[in-house]
Amino acid sequence: MNPKLKLLAEAQGGVFSRAQAARCGYTLGQIHERIQDGRWERMRHGQYAEAVDLGHLPPWEQQTVHHRRLVHAVMNSMTPGTAAVSHQSALVMHGVPLWGADLDDVHLSRLDRHRGGRIAGVRHHRGKLTDSDLTTAGGLLVTTVARSLFEMACTSSFEAAVVSADAVRRDRPIGEAELERLLEVTAFWPGSATARAALDFSSPLAESVGESRLRVLLHTYGLAAPVLQAVFTDAAGFVGRVDFFFAAERTVVEFDGLLKYADGDREALIREKLREDRLRALGLQVVRVTWADLQHPDRLITRIRQAFARAGAPSVARSTGGLPPHIFSGQPSSSVDIP
């Protein structure tokens, strides 16, 4: 790619149009040749991008990168000011984690009189947007994080909505006034009940997509609501902070994304083993959960209930009343004394 087109594409998320390539000195034959030999990728009709190798990324991140380029391709073909990127497409532009949200189509909210509906891989939404609903991200006009979250939550599953809501509450908290405004605006939208339930269930203490998905699974199967990010100490001092603590069941559940062991760090493995031994020495059961375990929920829930049984606790849902005196639900810095 010549320097002129490269600079132009970088300002547009890596995407450029056929007309822009031509103005930068490429003939139609040269454009076709680059597409045929794989140097350029056709994003949609008349919109291209330089091919990139995403093989080092996990599948869901590959999908996010591809969708971001699609968004730029769509907006690069639009008349400026006629639409704003919205719903999950806007969340992608804002860098909010997504899981399970449909990224096959690019979502736009129309600012003109264009009718809604799906056309050529783009879902056009009609709705009244105010200035407070709009911002920019990646050089594009988009709906705000808060508005985008509500839009996505109304059109996605409970799990997908919780994953993104947890991340937003953790990293970009929504002000009380804005939250109330959007609750009122979306009160009668289709899917608003799912959105409200997901927002009520969400927590800023969930630290990853995996933890959010696991928390939804525990809730779905009727287990007690665990304490999140509880800190444990013993006679030697700090033991660790755990993802989920079932106090009445004396069981710790840890989501292990395995990323910290990806480089084969033997020291990290040893430290984790010693930490787990110290937790068990406090009379706790410890259950480790991986991404693969989430694909077999029945089997996973059975493992957790077996841990409850080993601890001499019932495996049915119960409140977390009767916590030890130094544990405070929802406080990531709280310490736990095990009687």
C-alpha atoms as a PDB file:
ATOM      1  CA  MET A   1       0.000   0.000   0.000  1.00  0.00           C
ATOM      2  CA  ASN A   2       1.470   3.343  -0.936  1.00  0.00           C
ATOM      3  CA  PRO A   3       2.066   5.917   1.840  1.00  0.00           C
ATOM      4  CA  LYS A   4      -0.799   8.191   0.776  1.00  0.00           C
ATOM      5  CA  LEU A   5      -3.434   5.442   0.900  1.00  0.00           C
ATOM      6  CA  LYS A   6      -1.908   3.982   4.060  1.00  0.00           C
ATOM      7  CA  LEU A   7      -2.301   7.280   5.927  1.00  0.00           C
ATOM      8  CA  LEU A   8      -5.870   7.666   4.688  1.00  0.00           C
ATOM      9  CA  ALA A   9      -6.781   4.104   5.708  1.00  0.00           C
ATOM     10  CA  GLU A  10      -5.231   4.482   9.168  1.00  0.00           C
ATOM     11  CA  ALA A  11      -7.547   7.425   9.814  1.00  0.00           C
ATOM     12  CA  GLN A  12     -10.528   5.220   8.861  1.00  0.00           C
ATOM     13  CA  GLY A  13      -9.863   2.131  10.936  1.00  0.00           C
ATOM     14  CA  GLY A  14      -7.785   0.535   8.182  1.00  0.00           C
ATOM     15  CA  VAL A  15     -10.596   0.783   5.610  1.00  0.00           C
ATOM     16  CA  PHE A  16     -10.717   2.670   2.305  1.00  0.00           C
ATOM     17  CA  SER A  17     -13.062   2.877  -0.665  1.00  0.00           C
ATOM     18  CA  ARG A  18     -12.424   2.036  -4.308  1.00  0.00           C
ATOM     19  CA  ALA A  19     -12.683   5.727  -5.139  1.00  0.00           C
ATOM     20  CA  GLN A  20     -10.155   6.628  -2.448  1.00  0.00           C
ATOM     21  CA  ALA A  21      -7.722   4.005  -3.742  1.00  0.00           C
ATOM     22  CA  ALA A  22      -8.120   5.403  -7.246  1.00  0.00           C
ATOM     23  CA  ARG A  23      -7.421   8.949  -6.035  1.00  0.00           C
ATOM     24  CA  CYS A  24      -4.272   7.611  -4.386  1.00  0.00           C
ATOM     25  CA  GLY A  25      -3.000   6.273  -7.702  1.00  0.00           C
ATOM     26  CA  TYR A  26      -4.368   2.732  -8.051  1.00  0.00           C
ATOM     27  CA  THR A  27      -6.030   1.567 -11.258  1.00  0.00           C
ATOM     28  CA  LEU A  28      -9.052  -0.745 -11.206  1.00  0.00           C
ATOM     29  CA  GLY A  29      -6.754  -3.505 -12.472  1.00  0.00           C
ATOM     30  CA  GLN A  30      -4.314  -3.000  -9.599  1.00  0.00           C
ATOM     31  CA  ILE A  31      -7.162  -3.016  -7.073  1.00  0.00           C
ATOM     32  CA  HIS A  32      -8.512  -6.289  -8.513  1.00  0.00           C
ATOM     33  CA  GLU A  33      -5.004  -7.818  -8.546  1.00  0.00           C
ATOM     34  CA  ARG A  34      -4.466  -7.054  -4.853  1.00  0.00           C
ATOM     35  CA  ILE A  35      -7.799  -8.556  -3.899  1.00  0.00           C
ATOM     36  CA  GLN A  36      -7.123 -11.677  -5.933  1.00  0.00           C
ATOM     37  CA  ASP A  37      -3.683 -12.310  -4.431  1.00  0.00           C
ATOM     38  CA  GLY A  38      -4.892 -11.662  -0.873  1.00  0.00           C
ATOM     39  CA  ARG A  39      -3.008  -8.458  -0.125  1.00  0.00           C
ATOM     40  CA  TRP A  40      -6.304  -6.581   0.211  1.00  0.00           C
ATOM     41  CA  GLU A  41      -9.589  -7.810   1.652  1.00  0.00           C
ATOM     42  CA  ARG A  42     -13.028  -6.789   0.396  1.00  0.00           C
ATOM     43  CA  MET A  43     -14.954  -5.692   3.483  1.00  0.00           C
ATOM     44  CA  ARG A  44     -18.174  -4.946   1.587  1.00  0.00           C
ATOM     45  CA  HIS A  45     -19.097  -3.606  -1.834  1.00  0.00           C
ATOM     46  CA  GLY A  46     -16.600  -0.910  -2.803  1.00  0.00           C
ATOM     47  CA  GLN A  47     -14.824  -0.966   0.590  1.00  0.00           C
ATOM     48  CA  TYR A  48     -11.449  -2.633   1.212  1.00  0.00           C
ATOM     49  CA  ALA A  49      -8.761  -3.102   3.829  1.00  0.00           C
ATOM     50  CA  GLU A  50      -5.236  -4.415   3.879  1.00  0.00           C
ATOM     51  CA  ALA A  51      -5.254  -8.093   4.878  1.00  0.00           C
ATOM     52  CA  VAL A  52      -4.063  -8.771   8.440  1.00  0.00           C
ATOM     53  CA  ASP A  53      -3.187 -12.037  10.161  1.00  0.00           C
ATOM     54  CA  LEU A  54      -5.393 -12.482  13.250  1.00  0.00           C
ATOM     55  CA  GLY A  55      -4.364 -16.079  13.909  1.00  0.00           C
ATOM     56  CA  HIS A  56      -2.650 -15.165  17.184  1.00  0.00           C
ATOM     57  CA  LEU A  57      -5.921 -13.877  18.651  1.00  0.00           C
ATOM     58  CA  PRO A  58      -8.658 -16.021  20.228  1.00  0.00           C
ATOM     59  CA  PRO A  59     -11.762 -16.426  18.029  1.00  0.00           C
ATOM     60  CA  TRP A  60     -13.896 -13.877  19.885  1.00  0.00           C
ATOM     61  CA  GLU A  61     -11.195 -11.194  19.536  1.00  0.00           C
ATOM     62  CA  GLN A  62     -10.824 -11.985  15.844  1.00  0.00           C
ATOM     63  CA  GLN A  63     -14.570 -11.440  15.497  1.00  0.00           C
ATOM     64  CA  THR A  64     -14.336  -8.098  17.313  1.00  0.00           C
ATOM     65  CA  VAL A  65     -11.474  -6.851  15.125  1.00  0.00           C
ATOM     66  CA  HIS A  66     -13.331  -7.917  11.984  1.00  0.00           C
ATOM     67  CA  HIS A  67     -16.537  -6.231  13.139  1.00  0.00           C
ATOM     68  CA  ARG A  68     -14.720  -2.982  13.910  1.00  0.00           C
ATOM     69  CA  ARG A  69     -13.400  -2.915  10.343  1.00  0.00           C
ATOM     70  CA  LEU A  70     -16.883  -3.663   9.031  1.00  0.00           C
ATOM     71  CA  VAL A  71     -18.246  -0.705  10.987  1.00  0.00           C
ATOM     72  CA  HIS A  72     -15.661   1.583   9.404  1.00  0.00           C
ATOM     73  CA  ALA A  73     -16.445   0.147   5.969  1.00  0.00           C
ATOM     74  CA  VAL A  74     -20.161   0.805   6.390  1.00  0.00           C
ATOM     75  CA  MET A  75     -19.688   4.326   7.725  1.00  0.00           C
ATOM     76  CA  ASN A  76     -17.157   5.096   5.000  1.00  0.00           C
ATOM     77  CA  SER A  77     -19.902   4.456   2.456  1.00  0.00           C
ATOM     78  CA  MET A  78     -22.526   6.570   4.255  1.00  0.00           C
ATOM     79  CA  THR A  79     -23.344  10.227   3.832  1.00  0.00           C
ATOM     80  CA  PRO A  80     -21.893  11.956   6.933  1.00  0.00           C
ATOM     81  CA  GLY A  81     -24.483  12.863   9.541  1.00  0.00           C
ATOM     82  CA  THR A  82     -27.148  10.417   8.373  1.00  0.00           C
ATOM     83  CA  ALA A  83     -26.497   7.710  10.978  1.00  0.00           C
ATOM     84  CA  ALA A  84     -24.667   6.902  14.194  1.00  0.00           C
ATOM     85  CA  VAL A  85     -23.103   3.560  15.049  1.00  0.00           C
ATOM     86  CA  SER A  86     -25.226   1.991  17.800  1.00  0.00           C
ATOM     87  CA  HIS A  87     -26.073  -1.148  19.801  1.00  0.00           C
ATOM     88  CA  GLN A  88     -23.286  -3.768  19.995  1.00  0.00           C
ATOM     89  CA  SER A  89     -21.463  -2.167  17.069  1.00  0.00           C
ATOM     90  CA  ALA A  90     -21.009   0.977  19.177  1.00  0.00           C
ATOM     91  CA  LEU A  91     -19.852  -1.115  22.139  1.00  0.00           C
ATOM     92  CA  VAL A  92     -17.193  -2.624  19.865  1.00  0.00           C
ATOM     93  CA  MET A  93     -16.063   0.877  18.922  1.00  0.00           C
ATOM     94  CA  HIS A  94     -15.930   1.848  22.607  1.00  0.00           C
ATOM     95  CA  GLY A  95     -13.836  -1.236  23.420  1.00  0.00           C
ATOM     96  CA  VAL A  96     -16.431  -2.765  25.755  1.00  0.00           C
ATOM     97  CA  PRO A  97     -16.074  -6.572  26.054  1.00  0.00           C
ATOM     98  CA  LEU A  98     -18.772  -8.604  24.312  1.00  0.00           C
ATOM     99  CA  TRP A  99     -19.752 -12.242  24.492  1.00  0.00           C
ATOM    100  CA  GLY A 100     -22.676 -13.848  22.724  1.00  0.00           C
ATOM    101  CA  ALA A 101     -23.881 -10.640  21.082  1.00  0.00           C
ATOM    102  CA  ASP A 102     -24.665 -10.953  17.385  1.00  0.00           C
ATOM    103  CA  LEU A 103     -21.864  -9.321  15.371  1.00  0.00           C
ATOM    104  CA  ASP A 104     -22.955 -10.570  11.959  1.00  0.00           C
ATOM    105  CA  ASP A 105     -24.573  -7.223  11.146  1.00  0.00           C
ATOM    106  CA  VAL A 106     -23.438  -3.651  11.685  1.00  0.00           C
ATOM    107  CA  HIS A 107     -25.967  -1.682  13.737  1.00  0.00           C
ATOM    108  CA  LEU A 108     -26.781   1.937  12.929  1.00  0.00           C
ATOM    109  CA  SER A 109     -29.299   4.360  14.399  1.00  0.00           C
ATOM    110  CA  ARG A 110     -30.633   6.623  11.684  1.00  0.00           C
ATOM    111  CA  LEU A 111     -30.502  10.383  12.119  1.00  0.00           C
ATOM    112  CA  ASP A 112     -32.436  11.038   8.902  1.00  0.00           C
ATOM    113  CA  ARG A 113     -35.767   9.784   7.548  1.00  0.00           C
ATOM    114  CA  HIS A 114     -34.393   6.470   6.302  1.00  0.00           C
ATOM    115  CA  ARG A 115     -36.643   3.536   7.110  1.00  0.00           C
ATOM    116  CA  GLY A 116     -35.449   0.876   9.513  1.00  0.00           C
ATOM    117  CA  GLY A 117     -34.663  -2.727   8.689  1.00  0.00           C
ATOM    118  CA  ARG A 118     -31.838  -4.937   7.516  1.00  0.00           C
ATOM    119  CA  ILE A 119     -30.128  -4.076   4.236  1.00  0.00           C
ATOM    120  CA  ALA A 120     -26.900  -5.687   2.954  1.00  0.00           C
ATOM    121  CA  GLY A 121     -25.570  -6.701   6.371  1.00  0.00           C
ATOM    122  CA  VAL A 122     -26.569  -3.477   8.095  1.00  0.00           C
ATOM    123  CA  ARG A 123     -29.396  -3.159  10.625  1.00  0.00           C
ATOM    124  CA  HIS A 124     -30.893   0.318  10.449  1.00  0.00           C
ATOM    125  CA  HIS A 125     -32.693   1.362  13.642  1.00  0.00           C
ATOM    126  CA  ARG A 126     -35.107   4.233  13.941  1.00  0.00           C
ATOM    127  CA  GLY A 127     -35.173   6.032  17.241  1.00  0.00           C
ATOM    128  CA  LYS A 128     -35.010   9.491  18.738  1.00  0.00           C
ATOM    129  CA  LEU A 129     -31.464  10.365  19.791  1.00  0.00           C
ATOM    130  CA  THR A 130     -30.548  13.481  21.745  1.00  0.00           C
ATOM    131  CA  ASP A 131     -27.161  15.161  21.956  1.00  0.00           C
ATOM    132  CA  SER A 132     -26.578  13.370  25.266  1.00  0.00           C
ATOM    133  CA  ASP A 133     -26.914  10.026  23.447  1.00  0.00           C
ATOM    134  CA  LEU A 134     -24.126  10.771  20.960  1.00  0.00           C
ATOM    135  CA  THR A 135     -20.350  10.901  21.094  1.00  0.00           C
ATOM    136  CA  THR A 136     -17.407   9.839  18.935  1.00  0.00           C
ATOM    137  CA  ALA A 137     -15.174   6.768  19.010  1.00  0.00           C
ATOM    138  CA  GLY A 138     -12.546   5.741  16.501  1.00  0.00           C
ATOM    139  CA  GLY A 139     -13.304   8.896  14.541  1.00  0.00           C
ATOM    140  CA  LEU A 140     -16.959   7.891  14.045  1.00  0.00           C
ATOM    141  CA  LEU A 141     -20.246   9.235  15.369  1.00  0.00           C
ATOM    142  CA  VAL A 142     -21.558   6.636  17.824  1.00  0.00           C
ATOM    143  CA  THR A 143     -24.055   6.307  20.635  1.00  0.00           C
ATOM    144  CA  THR A 144     -22.613   6.685  24.131  1.00  0.00           C
ATOM    145  CA  VAL A 145     -21.468   3.683  26.162  1.00  0.00           C
ATOM    146  CA  ALA A 146     -24.576   3.901  28.353  1.00  0.00           C
ATOM    147  CA  ARG A 147     -27.020   4.207  25.452  1.00  0.00           C
ATOM    148  CA  SER A 148     -25.239   1.454  23.485  1.00  0.00           C
ATOM    149  CA  LEU A 149     -25.369  -0.873  26.484  1.00  0.00           C
ATOM    150  CA  PHE A 150     -29.134  -0.404  26.852  1.00  0.00           C
ATOM    151  CA  GLU A 151     -29.652  -0.901  23.115  1.00  0.00           C
ATOM    152  CA  MET A 152     -27.611  -4.098  23.055  1.00  0.00           C
ATOM    153  CA  ALA A 153     -29.171  -5.447  26.255  1.00  0.00           C
ATOM    154  CA  CYS A 154     -32.660  -5.070  24.771  1.00  0.00           C
ATOM    155  CA  THR A 155     -31.747  -7.140  21.729  1.00  0.00           C
ATOM    156  CA  SER A 156     -29.466  -9.815  23.229  1.00  0.00           C
ATOM    157  CA  SER A 157     -29.567 -12.659  25.733  1.00  0.00           C
ATOM    158  CA  PHE A 158     -29.397 -12.147  29.490  1.00  0.00           C
ATOM    159  CA  GLU A 159     -25.859 -13.613  29.521  1.00  0.00           C
ATOM    160  CA  ALA A 160     -24.617 -11.324  26.740  1.00  0.00           C
ATOM    161  CA  ALA A 161     -26.120  -8.291  28.468  1.00  0.00           C
ATOM    162  CA  VAL A 162     -24.550  -9.166  31.836  1.00  0.00           C
ATOM    163  CA  VAL A 163     -21.079  -9.638  30.321  1.00  0.00           C
ATOM    164  CA  SER A 164     -21.081  -6.119  28.891  1.00  0.00           C
ATOM    165  CA  ALA A 165     -22.945  -4.551  31.822  1.00  0.00           C
ATOM    166  CA  ASP A 166     -20.360  -5.937  34.271  1.00  0.00           C
ATOM    167  CA  ALA A 167     -17.557  -4.418  32.192  1.00  0.00           C
ATOM    168  CA  VAL A 168     -19.288  -1.042  31.894  1.00  0.00           C
ATOM    169  CA  ARG A 169     -20.029  -0.861  35.618  1.00  0.00           C
ATOM    170  CA  ARG A 170     -16.429  -1.828  36.387  1.00  0.00           C
ATOM    171  CA  ASP A 171     -14.607   0.442  33.948  1.00  0.00           C
ATOM    172  CA  ARG A 172     -17.072   3.179  32.917  1.00  0.00           C
ATOM    173  CA  PRO A 173     -19.744   3.601  35.604  1.00  0.00           C
ATOM    174  CA  ILE A 174     -22.994   5.181  34.468  1.00  0.00           C
ATOM    175  CA  GLY A 175     -24.121   8.187  36.512  1.00  0.00           C
ATOM    176  CA  GLU A 176     -27.346   7.844  38.463  1.00  0.00           C
ATOM    177  CA  ALA A 177     -29.114  10.589  36.506  1.00  0.00           C
ATOM    178  CA  GLU A 178     -28.145   9.073  33.144  1.00  0.00           C
ATOM    179  CA  LEU A 179     -29.180   5.617  34.315  1.00  0.00           C
ATOM    180  CA  GLU A 180     -32.604   6.875  35.353  1.00  0.00           C
ATOM    181  CA  ARG A 181     -33.026   8.747  32.067  1.00  0.00           C
ATOM    182  CA  LEU A 182     -32.238   5.666  29.974  1.00  0.00           C
ATOM    183  CA  LEU A 183     -34.447   3.439  32.103  1.00  0.00           C
ATOM    184  CA  GLU A 184     -37.300   5.816  31.371  1.00  0.00           C
ATOM    185  CA  VAL A 185     -36.489   6.100  27.640  1.00  0.00           C
ATOM    186  CA  THR A 186     -36.330   2.313  27.182  1.00  0.00           C
ATOM    187  CA  ALA A 187     -39.186   1.401  29.522  1.00  0.00           C
ATOM    188  CA  PHE A 188     -41.455   0.125  26.745  1.00  0.00           C
ATOM    189  CA  TRP A 189     -38.850  -1.124  24.292  1.00  0.00           C
ATOM    190  CA  PRO A 190     -39.053  -4.791  23.278  1.00  0.00           C
ATOM    191  CA  GLY A 191     -36.528  -6.648  25.435  1.00  0.00           C
ATOM    192  CA  SER A 192     -36.434  -3.958  28.118  1.00  0.00           C
ATOM    193  CA  ALA A 193     -37.292  -6.519  30.821  1.00  0.00           C
ATOM    194  CA  THR A 194     -34.161  -8.524  29.947  1.00  0.00           C
ATOM    195  CA  ALA A 195     -32.081  -5.346  29.931  1.00  0.00           C
ATOM    196  CA  ARG A 196     -33.329  -4.296  33.364  1.00  0.00           C
ATOM    197  CA  ALA A 197     -32.771  -7.756  34.819  1.00  0.00           C
ATOM    198  CA  ALA A 198     -29.227  -7.832  33.448  1.00  0.00           C
ATOM    199  CA  LEU A 199     -28.421  -4.387  34.816  1.00  0.00           C
ATOM    200  CA  ASP A 200     -29.826  -5.302  38.232  1.00  0.00           C
ATOM    201  CA  PHE A 201     -27.749  -8.492  38.253  1.00  0.00           C
ATOM    202  CA  SER A 202     -24.547  -6.892  36.975  1.00  0.00           C
ATOM    203  CA  SER A 203     -21.637  -6.125  39.265  1.00  0.00           C
ATOM    204  CA  PRO A 204     -18.476  -4.018  38.967  1.00  0.00           C
ATOM    205  CA  LEU A 205     -16.647  -6.753  40.909  1.00  0.00           C
ATOM    206  CA  ALA A 206     -16.693  -9.215  37.997  1.00  0.00           C
ATOM    207  CA  GLU A 207     -13.201  -8.871  36.568  1.00  0.00           C
ATOM    208  CA  SER A 208     -13.448 -10.727  33.258  1.00  0.00           C
ATOM    209  CA  VAL A 209     -15.811 -12.112  30.641  1.00  0.00           C
ATOM    210  CA  GLY A 210     -15.237 -15.593  32.050  1.00  0.00           C
ATOM    211  CA  GLU A 211     -16.208 -14.531  35.566  1.00  0.00           C
ATOM    212  CA  SER A 212     -19.350 -12.839  34.250  1.00  0.00           C
ATOM    213  CA  ARG A 213     -20.394 -15.928  32.300  1.00  0.00           C
ATOM    214  CA  LEU A 214     -19.720 -18.196  35.276  1.00  0.00           C
ATOM    215  CA  ARG A 215     -21.750 -15.949  37.579  1.00  0.00           C
ATOM    216  CA  VAL A 216     -24.709 -16.106  35.178  1.00  0.00           C
ATOM    217  CA  LEU A 217     -24.413 -19.895  35.040  1.00  0.00           C
ATOM    218  CA  LEU A 218     -24.397 -20.184  38.859  1.00  0.00           C
ATOM    219  CA  HIS A 219     -27.473 -17.960  38.995  1.00  0.00           C
ATOM    220  CA  THR A 220     -29.252 -19.945  36.279  1.00  0.00           C
ATOM    221  CA  TYR A 221     -28.780 -23.202  38.198  1.00  0.00           C
ATOM    222  CA  GLY A 222     -30.118 -21.686  41.406  1.00  0.00           C
ATOM    223  CA  LEU A 223     -26.972 -21.659  43.520  1.00  0.00           C
ATOM    224  CA  ALA A 224     -26.599 -19.173  46.345  1.00  0.00           C
ATOM    225  CA  ALA A 225     -25.313 -15.727  45.404  1.00  0.00           C
ATOM    226  CA  PRO A 226     -21.569 -15.863  46.150  1.00  0.00           C
ATOM    227  CA  VAL A 227     -19.473 -13.079  47.605  1.00  0.00           C
ATOM    228  CA  LEU A 228     -17.234 -11.632  44.895  1.00  0.00           C
ATOM    229  CA  GLN A 229     -13.523 -10.859  45.282  1.00  0.00           C
ATOM    230  CA  ALA A 230     -13.306 -11.879  48.948  1.00  0.00           C
ATOM    231  CA  VAL A 231      -9.844 -11.594  50.539  1.00  0.00           C
ATOM    232  CA  PHE A 232      -8.501 -14.364  52.780  1.00  0.00           C
ATOM    233  CA  THR A 233      -5.748 -14.298  55.376  1.00  0.00           C
ATOM    234  CA  ASP A 234      -4.220 -16.905  57.663  1.00  0.00           C
ATOM    235  CA  ALA A 235      -1.610 -16.910  60.447  1.00  0.00           C
ATOM    236  CA  ALA A 236       1.104 -16.184  57.875  1.00  0.00           C
ATOM    237  CA  GLY A 237      -0.772 -13.194  56.449  1.00  0.00           C
ATOM    238  CA  PHE A 238      -2.412 -12.554  53.085  1.00  0.00           C
ATOM    239  CA  VAL A 239      -3.523 -15.710  51.261  1.00  0.00           C
ATOM    240  CA  GLY A 240      -5.343 -14.329  48.255  1.00  0.00           C
ATOM    241  CA  ARG A 241      -8.395 -12.746  46.745  1.00  0.00           C
ATOM    242  CA  VAL A 242     -10.853 -15.229  45.252  1.00  0.00           C
ATOM    243  CA  ASP A 243     -13.398 -14.829  42.480  1.00  0.00           C
ATOM    244  CA  PHE A 244     -16.389 -16.441  44.251  1.00  0.00           C
ATOM    245  CA  PHE A 245     -16.862 -17.381  47.886  1.00  0.00           C
ATOM    246  CA  PHE A 246     -19.890 -19.411  48.989  1.00  0.00           C
ATOM    247  CA  ALA A 247     -19.744 -18.581  52.684  1.00  0.00           C
ATOM    248  CA  ALA A 248     -22.418 -20.936  54.029  1.00  0.00           C
ATOM    249  CA  GLU A 249     -21.041 -23.731  51.838  1.00  0.00           C
ATOM    250  CA  ARG A 250     -17.392 -22.960  52.775  1.00  0.00           C
ATOM    251  CA  THR A 251     -16.405 -23.230  49.132  1.00  0.00           C
ATOM    252  CA  VAL A 252     -14.253 -21.081  46.877  1.00  0.00           C
ATOM    253  CA  VAL A 253     -14.802 -21.131  43.108  1.00  0.00           C
ATOM    254  CA  GLU A 254     -12.074 -19.660  40.907  1.00  0.00           C
ATOM    255  CA  PHE A 255     -12.361 -18.925  37.199  1.00  0.00           C
ATOM    256  CA  ASP A 256      -9.029 -19.748  35.601  1.00  0.00           C
ATOM    257  CA  GLY A 257      -8.594 -18.243  32.153  1.00  0.00           C
ATOM    258  CA  LEU A 258      -5.193 -19.963  31.927  1.00  0.00           C
ATOM    259  CA  LEU A 259      -3.676 -16.833  30.390  1.00  0.00           C
ATOM    260  CA  LYS A 260      -1.255 -16.356  33.271  1.00  0.00           C
ATOM    261  CA  TYR A 261       0.180 -19.806  32.596  1.00  0.00           C
ATOM    262  CA  ALA A 262       0.313 -19.469  28.809  1.00  0.00           C
ATOM    263  CA  ASP A 263       4.050 -18.807  28.817  1.00  0.00           C
ATOM    264  CA  GLY A 264       4.730 -21.942  30.856  1.00  0.00           C
ATOM    265  CA  ASP A 265       5.748 -19.932  33.936  1.00  0.00           C
ATOM    266  CA  ARG A 266       6.597 -22.676  36.436  1.00  0.00           C
ATOM    267  CA  GLU A 267       6.903 -20.128  39.240  1.00  0.00           C
ATOM    268  CA  ALA A 268       3.318 -18.980  38.676  1.00  0.00           C
ATOM    269  CA  LEU A 269       2.077 -22.566  38.788  1.00  0.00           C
ATOM    270  CA  ILE A 270       3.895 -23.192  42.066  1.00  0.00           C
ATOM    271  CA  ARG A 271       2.560 -19.985  43.636  1.00  0.00           C
ATOM    272  CA  GLU A 272      -0.983 -20.898  42.613  1.00  0.00           C
ATOM    273  CA  LYS A 273      -0.620 -24.402  44.080  1.00  0.00           C
ATOM    274  CA  LEU A 274       0.660 -23.013  47.409  1.00  0.00           C
ATOM    275  CA  ARG A 275      -2.164 -20.463  47.503  1.00  0.00           C
ATOM    276  CA  GLU A 276      -4.728 -23.206  46.924  1.00  0.00           C
ATOM    277  CA  ASP A 277      -3.165 -25.372  49.658  1.00  0.00           C
ATOM    278  CA  ARG A 278      -3.445 -22.492  52.137  1.00  0.00           C
ATOM    279  CA  LEU A 279      -7.112 -21.962  51.251  1.00  0.00           C
ATOM    280  CA  ARG A 280      -7.805 -25.661  51.834  1.00  0.00           C
ATOM    281  CA  ALA A 281      -5.936 -25.469  55.139  1.00  0.00           C
ATOM    282  CA  LEU A 282      -8.560 -22.932  56.226  1.00  0.00           C
ATOM    283  CA  GLY A 283     -11.161 -25.671  55.821  1.00  0.00           C
ATOM    284  CA  LEU A 284     -12.374 -24.516  52.416  1.00  0.00           C
ATOM    285  CA  GLN A 285     -13.199 -26.498  49.319  1.00  0.00           C
ATOM    286  CA  VAL A 286     -11.665 -25.050  46.135  1.00  0.00           C
ATOM    287  CA  VAL A 287     -13.134 -25.571  42.654  1.00  0.00           C
ATOM    288  CA  ARG A 288     -11.254 -24.311  39.602  1.00  0.00           C
ATOM    289  CA  VAL A 289     -13.225 -23.528  36.448  1.00  0.00           C
ATOM    290  CA  THR A 290     -11.841 -23.085  32.924  1.00  0.00           C
ATOM    291  CA  TRP A 291     -13.333 -21.868  29.653  1.00  0.00           C
ATOM    292  CA  ALA A 292     -13.828 -25.481  28.588  1.00  0.00           C
ATOM    293  CA  ASP A 293     -15.905 -26.182  31.722  1.00  0.00           C
ATOM    294  CA  LEU A 294     -18.434 -23.541  30.671  1.00  0.00           C
ATOM    295  CA  GLN A 295     -19.292 -25.722  27.669  1.00  0.00           C
ATOM    296  CA  HIS A 296     -20.550 -28.460  30.029  1.00  0.00           C
ATOM    297  CA  PRO A 297     -22.684 -26.629  32.611  1.00  0.00           C
ATOM    298  CA  ASP A 298     -24.413 -29.703  34.087  1.00  0.00           C
ATOM    299  CA  ARG A 299     -21.082 -31.368  34.739  1.00  0.00           C
ATOM    300  CA  LEU A 300     -19.637 -28.180  36.251  1.00  0.00           C
ATOM    301  CA  ILE A 301     -22.577 -27.575  38.588  1.00  0.00           C
ATOM    302  CA  THR A 302     -22.316 -31.190  39.753  1.00  0.00           C
ATOM    303  CA  ARG A 303     -18.647 -30.605  40.661  1.00  0.00           C
ATOM    304  CA  ILE A 304     -19.521 -27.504  42.639  1.00  0.00           C
ATOM    305  CA  ARG A 305     -22.349 -29.245  44.486  1.00  0.00           C
ATOM    306  CA  GLN A 306     -20.010 -32.126  45.277  1.00  0.00           C
ATOM    307  CA  ALA A 307     -17.643 -29.578  46.838  1.00  0.00           C
ATOM    308  CA  PHE A 308     -20.534 -28.244  48.921  1.00  0.00           C
ATOM    309  CA  ALA A 309     -21.256 -31.802  50.093  1.00  0.00           C
ATOM    310  CA  ARG A 310     -17.603 -32.423  51.020  1.00  0.00           C
ATOM    311  CA  ALA A 311     -17.718 -29.274  53.115  1.00  0.00           C
ATOM    312  CA  GLY A 312     -20.807 -30.643  54.855  1.00  0.00           C
ATOM    313  CA  ALA A 313     -23.053 -27.968  53.365  1.00  0.00           C
ATOM    314  CA  PRO A 314     -26.338 -28.372  51.452  1.00  0.00           C
ATOM    315  CA  SER A 315     -26.194 -27.897  47.688  1.00  0.00           C
ATOM    316  CA  VAL A 316     -29.445 -25.957  47.355  1.00  0.00           C
ATOM    317  CA  ALA A 317     -29.760 -22.219  46.941  1.00  0.00           C
ATOM    318  CA  ARG A 318     -29.679 -20.216  50.158  1.00  0.00           C
ATOM    319  CA  SER A 319     -28.978 -16.652  51.204  1.00  0.00           C
ATOM    320  CA  THR A 320     -25.490 -15.616  52.270  1.00  0.00           C
ATOM    321  CA  GLY A 321     -26.690 -14.671  55.728  1.00  0.00           C
ATOM    322  CA  GLY A 322     -24.494 -15.602  58.647  1.00  0.00           C
ATOM    323  CA  LEU A 323     -21.243 -14.521  57.005  1.00  0.00           C
ATOM    324  CA  PRO A 324     -18.124 -14.485  59.161  1.00  0.00           C
ATOM    325  CA  PRO A 325     -17.754 -11.150  60.984  1.00  0.00           C
ATOM    326  CA  HIS A 326     -15.131  -9.612  58.670  1.00  0.00           C
ATOM    327  CA  ILE A 327     -16.655 -10.355  55.290  1.00  0.00           C
ATOM    328  CA  PHE A 328     -18.665  -7.709  53.524  1.00  0.00           C
ATOM    329  CA  SER A 329     -20.437  -8.673  50.312  1.00  0.00           C
ATOM    330  CA  GLY A 330     -19.383  -6.511  47.409  1.00  0.00           C
ATOM    331  CA  GLN A 331     -16.210  -5.168  49.041  1.00  0.00           C
ATOM    332  CA  PRO A 332     -13.163  -6.450  47.140  1.00  0.00           C
ATOM    333  CA  SER A 333     -10.759  -5.427  49.918  1.00  0.00           C
ATOM    334  CA  SER A 334     -12.592  -7.220  52.720  1.00  0.00           C
ATOM    335  CA  SER A 335     -10.823  -9.918  54.673  1.00  0.00           C
ATOM    336  CA  VAL A 336     -12.385 -13.204  55.700  1.00  0.00           C
ATOM    337  CA  ASP A 337     -11.883 -14.832  59.086  1.00  0.00           C
ATOM    338  CA  ILE A 338     -12.686 -18.541  59.028  1.00  0.00           C
ATOM    339  CA  PRO A 339     -14.079 -19.637  62.381  1.00  0.00           C
END
